[in-house]
Amino acid sequence: MLPIAIHRVTTLDLNVRPRPWPFAEERRTEIEAHFAIKQREKPKIWNGRILLARDPVFAGDRFSARYFDADFASFLAWRDWGFPDRGVFNGFGMGALRCSDGAFVLGEMGQHTANAGASIFPRARPTSTTSAAARSI
C-alpha cells in the first residue's frame, strides 16, 4: 500500500473516455460469480455504472487523470481481491466538513451497502451520468 499523501490542487485536468479494462474483461466469469455472492448477502446492491481512473499526475497545483466507465461488480471484485490492477485507482473528490468545535462531519453507510457501517465523509461516487451532467454545466 502506498503512503497517504495530501496534495493541495487548484486545477483539475480530468477526462472521461471509454477505455478497456483488461482486469474486468479477463476475469468476467469470476467477477459475476463474486457479485452474485455479494447480492445474496446484500440484496439491494446493484451493478450500476461507475467511474474509475488511471494515470494520475500531480504537477504543481494541477491534478490530471484519465477516467473510464466500469461496472460496480468489477469495482467490487477489484477492491475485495486486493486491487490486483495497480494501474487503476478509485479517485473522487469529497469535502471534509469541519465544525466550529473542530469535529468533522461523518456519515454512516447503510446496512444495505457494500460498506455497511463504515464511517465516511459525505460523498457520492462519480458515474457516467454525473460526469455527463457536470460537462453540461
N, C-alpha and C. Protein backbone atom coordinates (compact mmCIF):
# COMPACT_ATOMS: atom_id res chain seq x y z
N MET A 1 0.84 -1.18 0.00
CA MET A 1 0.00 0.00 0.00
C MET A 1 0.88 1.24 0.00
N LEU A 2 0.52 2.21 -0.83
CA LEU A 2 1.27 3.44 -0.90
C LEU A 2 1.02 4.30 0.32
N PRO A 3 2.01 5.11 0.72
CA PRO A 3 1.77 6.02 1.85
C PRO A 3 0.72 7.05 1.47
N ILE A 4 0.00 7.52 2.48
CA ILE A 4 -1.03 8.54 2.25
C ILE A 4 -0.34 9.87 1.99
N ALA A 5 -0.80 10.58 0.98
CA ALA A 5 -0.28 11.91 0.65
C ALA A 5 -1.46 12.84 0.41
N ILE A 6 -1.35 14.04 0.93
CA ILE A 6 -2.37 15.06 0.70
C ILE A 6 -1.75 16.13 -0.17
N HIS A 7 -2.40 16.42 -1.28
CA HIS A 7 -1.93 17.44 -2.23
C HIS A 7 -2.95 18.56 -2.30
N ARG A 8 -2.49 19.78 -2.27
CA ARG A 8 -3.38 20.92 -2.50
C ARG A 8 -3.37 21.19 -3.99
N VAL A 9 -4.55 21.18 -4.60
CA VAL A 9 -4.65 21.44 -6.03
C VAL A 9 -5.65 22.57 -6.27
N THR A 10 -5.40 23.32 -7.32
CA THR A 10 -6.33 24.39 -7.71
C THR A 10 -6.87 24.15 -9.11
N THR A 11 -6.24 23.22 -9.84
CA THR A 11 -6.66 22.94 -11.21
C THR A 11 -6.80 21.44 -11.40
N LEU A 12 -7.93 21.04 -12.00
CA LEU A 12 -8.16 19.64 -12.32
C LEU A 12 -8.20 19.48 -13.83
N ASP A 13 -7.48 18.49 -14.32
CA ASP A 13 -7.49 18.15 -15.74
C ASP A 13 -7.91 16.68 -15.83
N LEU A 14 -9.21 16.46 -15.86
CA LEU A 14 -9.77 15.11 -15.81
C LEU A 14 -10.59 14.87 -17.07
N ASN A 15 -10.34 13.77 -17.72
CA ASN A 15 -11.17 13.45 -18.89
C ASN A 15 -11.80 12.08 -18.70
N VAL A 16 -12.93 11.91 -19.34
CA VAL A 16 -13.67 10.64 -19.28
C VAL A 16 -13.84 10.15 -20.71
N ARG A 17 -13.32 8.96 -20.97
CA ARG A 17 -13.47 8.34 -22.29
C ARG A 17 -13.63 6.84 -22.12
N PRO A 18 -14.32 6.22 -23.04
CA PRO A 18 -14.38 4.75 -22.98
C PRO A 18 -12.97 4.17 -23.14
N ARG A 19 -12.64 3.29 -22.25
CA ARG A 19 -11.34 2.61 -22.30
C ARG A 19 -11.54 1.18 -21.85
N PRO A 20 -10.87 0.25 -22.44
CA PRO A 20 -10.99 -1.13 -21.97
C PRO A 20 -10.33 -1.28 -20.59
N TRP A 21 -10.86 -2.18 -19.79
CA TRP A 21 -10.23 -2.52 -18.52
C TRP A 21 -9.93 -4.00 -18.56
N PRO A 22 -8.70 -4.36 -18.89
CA PRO A 22 -8.35 -5.78 -19.04
C PRO A 22 -8.72 -6.64 -17.84
N PHE A 23 -8.56 -6.13 -16.63
CA PHE A 23 -8.94 -6.89 -15.43
C PHE A 23 -10.39 -7.34 -15.53
N ALA A 24 -11.29 -6.41 -15.86
CA ALA A 24 -12.73 -6.72 -15.92
C ALA A 24 -13.05 -7.66 -17.07
N GLU A 25 -12.37 -7.47 -18.19
CA GLU A 25 -12.64 -8.33 -19.35
C GLU A 25 -12.12 -9.75 -19.13
N GLU A 26 -10.91 -9.88 -18.61
CA GLU A 26 -10.27 -11.19 -18.46
C GLU A 26 -10.87 -12.02 -17.33
N ARG A 27 -11.45 -11.36 -16.34
CA ARG A 27 -11.96 -12.08 -15.16
C ARG A 27 -13.48 -11.99 -15.03
N ARG A 28 -14.16 -11.73 -16.15
CA ARG A 28 -15.61 -11.52 -16.15
C ARG A 28 -16.38 -12.63 -15.45
N THR A 29 -16.08 -13.89 -15.72
CA THR A 29 -16.81 -15.01 -15.11
C THR A 29 -16.63 -15.01 -13.60
N GLU A 30 -15.41 -14.82 -13.14
CA GLU A 30 -15.13 -14.77 -11.69
C GLU A 30 -15.84 -13.58 -11.04
N ILE A 31 -15.81 -12.45 -11.72
CA ILE A 31 -16.43 -11.23 -11.21
C ILE A 31 -17.94 -11.44 -11.05
N GLU A 32 -18.57 -12.03 -12.05
CA GLU A 32 -20.02 -12.27 -11.98
C GLU A 32 -20.36 -13.22 -10.83
N ALA A 33 -19.54 -14.24 -10.62
CA ALA A 33 -19.79 -15.17 -9.51
C ALA A 33 -19.61 -14.46 -8.17
N HIS A 34 -18.59 -13.63 -8.06
CA HIS A 34 -18.34 -12.87 -6.84
C HIS A 34 -19.51 -11.92 -6.54
N PHE A 35 -19.98 -11.23 -7.57
CA PHE A 35 -21.08 -10.29 -7.37
C PHE A 35 -22.37 -11.01 -6.99
N ALA A 36 -22.60 -12.19 -7.54
CA ALA A 36 -23.79 -12.96 -7.17
C ALA A 36 -23.78 -13.29 -5.68
N ILE A 37 -22.62 -13.62 -5.14
CA ILE A 37 -22.49 -13.89 -3.70
C ILE A 37 -22.79 -12.61 -2.91
N LYS A 38 -22.23 -11.50 -3.36
CA LYS A 38 -22.45 -10.22 -2.68
C LYS A 38 -23.92 -9.81 -2.72
N GLN A 39 -24.59 -10.08 -3.83
CA GLN A 39 -26.01 -9.75 -3.91
C GLN A 39 -26.86 -10.63 -3.00
N ARG A 40 -26.46 -11.87 -2.81
CA ARG A 40 -27.18 -12.72 -1.86
C ARG A 40 -27.01 -12.18 -0.43
N GLU A 41 -25.82 -11.66 -0.13
CA GLU A 41 -25.55 -11.08 1.19
C GLU A 41 -26.27 -9.74 1.38
N LYS A 42 -26.28 -8.91 0.34
CA LYS A 42 -26.87 -7.57 0.37
C LYS A 42 -27.76 -7.42 -0.86
N PRO A 43 -29.00 -7.88 -0.81
CA PRO A 43 -29.87 -7.89 -1.99
C PRO A 43 -30.11 -6.54 -2.65
N LYS A 44 -29.90 -5.43 -1.94
CA LYS A 44 -30.17 -4.12 -2.53
C LYS A 44 -29.00 -3.55 -3.33
N ILE A 45 -27.81 -4.18 -3.28
CA ILE A 45 -26.73 -3.64 -4.12
C ILE A 45 -27.02 -3.98 -5.57
N TRP A 46 -26.61 -3.10 -6.47
CA TRP A 46 -26.88 -3.33 -7.88
C TRP A 46 -25.64 -3.00 -8.69
N ASN A 47 -25.60 -3.56 -9.84
CA ASN A 47 -24.42 -3.45 -10.70
C ASN A 47 -24.53 -2.25 -11.64
N GLY A 48 -24.53 -1.07 -11.05
CA GLY A 48 -24.60 0.16 -11.84
C GLY A 48 -23.25 0.53 -12.43
N ARG A 49 -23.23 1.61 -13.17
CA ARG A 49 -22.01 2.11 -13.80
C ARG A 49 -21.33 3.11 -12.88
N ILE A 50 -20.01 3.06 -12.80
CA ILE A 50 -19.22 3.98 -12.00
C ILE A 50 -18.03 4.44 -12.83
N LEU A 51 -17.28 5.37 -12.29
CA LEU A 51 -16.05 5.82 -12.93
C LEU A 51 -14.86 5.44 -12.07
N LEU A 52 -13.83 4.93 -12.71
CA LEU A 52 -12.53 4.68 -12.10
C LEU A 52 -11.50 5.46 -12.90
N ALA A 53 -10.29 5.54 -12.40
CA ALA A 53 -9.29 6.37 -13.08
C ALA A 53 -7.95 5.66 -13.17
N ARG A 54 -7.13 6.20 -14.03
CA ARG A 54 -5.74 5.76 -14.16
C ARG A 54 -4.89 6.95 -14.58
N ASP A 55 -3.60 6.75 -14.56
CA ASP A 55 -2.61 7.76 -14.98
C ASP A 55 -2.69 9.05 -14.17
N PRO A 56 -2.63 8.98 -12.83
CA PRO A 56 -2.66 10.21 -12.04
C PRO A 56 -1.34 10.97 -12.13
N VAL A 57 -1.44 12.28 -12.24
CA VAL A 57 -0.24 13.13 -12.28
C VAL A 57 -0.50 14.37 -11.43
N PHE A 58 0.37 14.61 -10.46
CA PHE A 58 0.37 15.86 -9.71
C PHE A 58 1.52 16.68 -10.24
N ALA A 59 1.24 17.85 -10.74
CA ALA A 59 2.27 18.75 -11.26
C ALA A 59 1.98 20.14 -10.71
N GLY A 60 2.74 20.54 -9.71
CA GLY A 60 2.47 21.81 -9.05
C GLY A 60 1.11 21.74 -8.38
N ASP A 61 0.22 22.68 -8.74
CA ASP A 61 -1.12 22.69 -8.15
C ASP A 61 -2.16 22.08 -9.07
N ARG A 62 -1.71 21.30 -10.06
CA ARG A 62 -2.60 20.68 -11.04
C ARG A 62 -2.63 19.16 -10.84
N PHE A 63 -3.84 18.60 -10.91
CA PHE A 63 -4.01 17.15 -10.87
C PHE A 63 -4.65 16.71 -12.17
N SER A 64 -4.05 15.72 -12.82
CA SER A 64 -4.58 15.17 -14.06
C SER A 64 -4.80 13.67 -13.89
N ALA A 65 -5.84 13.16 -14.53
CA ALA A 65 -6.11 11.72 -14.53
C ALA A 65 -7.06 11.41 -15.68
N ARG A 66 -7.07 10.14 -16.08
CA ARG A 66 -7.97 9.67 -17.15
C ARG A 66 -8.99 8.73 -16.53
N TYR A 67 -10.25 9.10 -16.62
CA TYR A 67 -11.34 8.31 -16.06
C TYR A 67 -11.97 7.43 -17.13
N PHE A 68 -12.51 6.29 -16.68
CA PHE A 68 -13.22 5.39 -17.59
C PHE A 68 -14.40 4.77 -16.85
N ASP A 69 -15.37 4.38 -17.62
CA ASP A 69 -16.62 3.79 -17.14
C ASP A 69 -16.39 2.31 -16.83
N ALA A 70 -16.93 1.85 -15.71
CA ALA A 70 -16.83 0.43 -15.34
C ALA A 70 -18.11 0.03 -14.61
N ASP A 71 -18.34 -1.26 -14.50
CA ASP A 71 -19.50 -1.73 -13.74
C ASP A 71 -19.10 -1.92 -12.29
N PHE A 72 -20.08 -1.74 -11.40
CA PHE A 72 -19.82 -1.83 -9.96
C PHE A 72 -19.32 -3.22 -9.58
N ALA A 73 -19.81 -4.26 -10.22
CA ALA A 73 -19.37 -5.62 -9.91
C ALA A 73 -17.86 -5.76 -10.10
N SER A 74 -17.33 -5.20 -11.18
CA SER A 74 -15.88 -5.27 -11.43
C SER A 74 -15.12 -4.48 -10.37
N PHE A 75 -15.64 -3.29 -10.04
CA PHE A 75 -15.01 -2.49 -8.98
C PHE A 75 -14.97 -3.26 -7.67
N LEU A 76 -16.10 -3.85 -7.30
CA LEU A 76 -16.19 -4.56 -6.03
C LEU A 76 -15.21 -5.74 -5.98
N ALA A 77 -15.13 -6.49 -7.06
CA ALA A 77 -14.17 -7.61 -7.11
C ALA A 77 -12.74 -7.08 -7.01
N TRP A 78 -12.44 -6.03 -7.75
CA TRP A 78 -11.10 -5.42 -7.72
C TRP A 78 -10.74 -5.00 -6.30
N ARG A 79 -11.69 -4.36 -5.61
CA ARG A 79 -11.47 -3.94 -4.23
C ARG A 79 -11.31 -5.13 -3.30
N ASP A 80 -12.25 -6.08 -3.39
CA ASP A 80 -12.25 -7.23 -2.48
C ASP A 80 -11.06 -8.15 -2.70
N TRP A 81 -10.51 -8.18 -3.89
CA TRP A 81 -9.39 -9.05 -4.20
C TRP A 81 -8.04 -8.35 -4.05
N GLY A 82 -8.02 -7.22 -3.35
CA GLY A 82 -6.75 -6.58 -3.04
C GLY A 82 -6.21 -5.66 -4.11
N PHE A 83 -7.07 -5.10 -4.96
CA PHE A 83 -6.67 -4.14 -6.00
C PHE A 83 -5.61 -4.72 -6.95
N PRO A 84 -5.91 -5.85 -7.60
CA PRO A 84 -4.90 -6.52 -8.42
C PRO A 84 -4.39 -5.69 -9.61
N ASP A 85 -5.18 -4.79 -10.13
CA ASP A 85 -4.71 -3.92 -11.21
C ASP A 85 -4.24 -2.63 -10.56
N ARG A 86 -2.94 -2.53 -10.32
CA ARG A 86 -2.36 -1.39 -9.61
C ARG A 86 -2.34 -0.10 -10.44
N GLY A 87 -2.65 -0.21 -11.72
CA GLY A 87 -2.68 0.97 -12.57
C GLY A 87 -3.98 1.75 -12.49
N VAL A 88 -4.97 1.21 -11.77
CA VAL A 88 -6.29 1.83 -11.66
C VAL A 88 -6.46 2.32 -10.23
N PHE A 89 -7.17 3.44 -10.08
CA PHE A 89 -7.47 3.90 -8.73
C PHE A 89 -8.91 4.40 -8.64
N ASN A 90 -9.41 4.37 -7.43
CA ASN A 90 -10.76 4.82 -7.13
C ASN A 90 -10.62 6.25 -6.64
N GLY A 91 -10.70 7.21 -7.54
CA GLY A 91 -10.42 8.59 -7.16
C GLY A 91 -11.58 9.52 -7.40
N PHE A 92 -12.05 10.15 -6.36
CA PHE A 92 -13.08 11.16 -6.48
C PHE A 92 -12.95 12.12 -5.31
N GLY A 93 -13.40 13.33 -5.53
CA GLY A 93 -13.29 14.35 -4.51
C GLY A 93 -14.40 14.26 -3.49
N MET A 94 -14.09 14.72 -2.30
CA MET A 94 -15.10 14.81 -1.26
C MET A 94 -14.71 15.94 -0.33
N GLY A 95 -15.70 16.55 0.25
CA GLY A 95 -15.44 17.61 1.21
C GLY A 95 -15.23 17.04 2.59
N ALA A 96 -14.30 17.60 3.32
CA ALA A 96 -14.10 17.26 4.72
C ALA A 96 -14.67 18.43 5.52
N LEU A 97 -15.94 18.33 5.88
CA LEU A 97 -16.63 19.42 6.58
C LEU A 97 -16.23 19.42 8.05
N ARG A 98 -15.71 20.57 8.49
CA ARG A 98 -15.25 20.68 9.87
C ARG A 98 -16.11 21.68 10.63
N CYS A 99 -16.58 21.26 11.78
CA CYS A 99 -17.44 22.10 12.61
C CYS A 99 -16.60 23.13 13.38
N SER A 100 -17.27 24.13 13.93
CA SER A 100 -16.56 25.18 14.67
C SER A 100 -15.83 24.63 15.90
N ASP A 101 -16.27 23.48 16.42
CA ASP A 101 -15.58 22.88 17.57
C ASP A 101 -14.42 21.97 17.15
N GLY A 102 -14.16 21.88 15.83
CA GLY A 102 -13.04 21.09 15.33
C GLY A 102 -13.41 19.68 14.90
N ALA A 103 -14.63 19.24 15.19
CA ALA A 103 -15.05 17.90 14.79
C ALA A 103 -15.38 17.87 13.29
N PHE A 104 -15.19 16.72 12.66
CA PHE A 104 -15.55 16.54 11.26
C PHE A 104 -16.93 15.90 11.15
N VAL A 105 -17.67 16.26 10.12
CA VAL A 105 -18.98 15.67 9.84
C VAL A 105 -18.74 14.35 9.10
N LEU A 106 -19.26 13.27 9.65
CA LEU A 106 -19.15 11.96 9.03
C LEU A 106 -20.55 11.36 8.90
N GLY A 107 -20.69 10.44 7.97
CA GLY A 107 -21.92 9.70 7.82
C GLY A 107 -21.63 8.22 8.02
N GLU A 108 -22.68 7.46 8.24
CA GLU A 108 -22.52 6.01 8.37
C GLU A 108 -23.20 5.34 7.19
N MET A 109 -22.48 4.46 6.52
CA MET A 109 -23.03 3.74 5.38
C MET A 109 -24.17 2.83 5.85
N GLY A 110 -25.24 2.81 5.05
CA GLY A 110 -26.41 1.99 5.36
C GLY A 110 -26.09 0.50 5.34
N GLN A 111 -26.89 -0.26 6.06
CA GLN A 111 -26.65 -1.71 6.16
C GLN A 111 -26.83 -2.44 4.83
N HIS A 112 -27.52 -1.83 3.87
CA HIS A 112 -27.75 -2.47 2.58
C HIS A 112 -26.60 -2.25 1.60
N THR A 113 -25.57 -1.49 2.00
CA THR A 113 -24.48 -1.15 1.08
C THR A 113 -23.30 -2.11 1.21
N ALA A 114 -22.39 -2.02 0.25
CA ALA A 114 -21.20 -2.87 0.27
C ALA A 114 -20.26 -2.49 1.41
N ASN A 115 -20.37 -1.27 1.95
CA ASN A 115 -19.52 -0.80 3.05
C ASN A 115 -20.33 -0.58 4.32
N ALA A 116 -21.27 -1.45 4.59
CA ALA A 116 -22.21 -1.29 5.71
C ALA A 116 -21.49 -0.95 7.01
N GLY A 117 -21.99 0.12 7.67
CA GLY A 117 -21.47 0.51 8.97
C GLY A 117 -20.22 1.37 8.95
N ALA A 118 -19.60 1.55 7.81
CA ALA A 118 -18.38 2.36 7.73
C ALA A 118 -18.70 3.83 7.97
N SER A 119 -17.84 4.52 8.71
CA SER A 119 -17.96 5.96 8.91
C SER A 119 -17.14 6.65 7.83
N ILE A 120 -17.80 7.55 7.08
CA ILE A 120 -17.15 8.17 5.93
C ILE A 120 -17.50 9.65 5.84
N PHE A 121 -16.67 10.40 5.11
CA PHE A 121 -17.03 11.77 4.76
C PHE A 121 -18.18 11.70 3.76
N PRO A 122 -19.15 12.61 3.86
CA PRO A 122 -20.26 12.61 2.89
C PRO A 122 -19.72 12.78 1.47
N ARG A 123 -20.20 11.94 0.56
CA ARG A 123 -19.73 12.00 -0.82
C ARG A 123 -20.64 11.16 -1.69
N ALA A 124 -20.39 11.25 -2.99
CA ALA A 124 -21.10 10.40 -3.95
C ALA A 124 -20.07 9.87 -4.94
N ARG A 125 -20.21 8.63 -5.31
CA ARG A 125 -19.30 8.04 -6.29
C ARG A 125 -19.64 8.59 -7.66
N PRO A 126 -18.64 9.06 -8.41
CA PRO A 126 -18.96 9.57 -9.75
C PRO A 126 -19.40 8.45 -10.68
N THR A 127 -20.36 8.76 -11.53
CA THR A 127 -20.84 7.81 -12.52
C THR A 127 -20.80 8.49 -13.87
N SER A 128 -21.02 7.74 -14.92
CA SER A 128 -21.04 8.36 -16.25
C SER A 128 -22.18 9.36 -16.35
N THR A 129 -23.26 9.17 -15.60
CA THR A 129 -24.38 10.13 -15.60
C THR A 129 -23.98 11.43 -14.92
N THR A 130 -23.30 11.34 -13.76
CA THR A 130 -22.90 12.56 -13.07
C THR A 130 -21.83 13.29 -13.86
N SER A 131 -20.95 12.57 -14.53
CA SER A 131 -19.92 13.26 -15.31
C SER A 131 -20.54 13.94 -16.54
N ALA A 132 -21.55 13.35 -17.13
CA ALA A 132 -22.24 13.98 -18.25
C ALA A 132 -22.95 15.25 -17.79
N ALA A 133 -23.56 15.18 -16.60
CA ALA A 133 -24.23 16.37 -16.04
C ALA A 133 -23.22 17.46 -15.76
N ALA A 134 -22.06 17.11 -15.22
CA ALA A 134 -21.03 18.11 -14.92
C ALA A 134 -20.53 18.76 -16.21
N ARG A 135 -20.39 17.99 -17.28
CA ARG A 135 -19.91 18.57 -18.55
C ARG A 135 -20.92 19.54 -19.14
N SER A 136 -22.21 19.34 -18.83
CA SER A 136 -23.22 20.20 -19.42
C SER A 136 -23.43 21.50 -18.65
N ILE A 137 -22.83 21.61 -17.47
CA ILE A 137 -22.99 22.82 -16.66
C ILE A 137 -22.04 23.89 -17.14
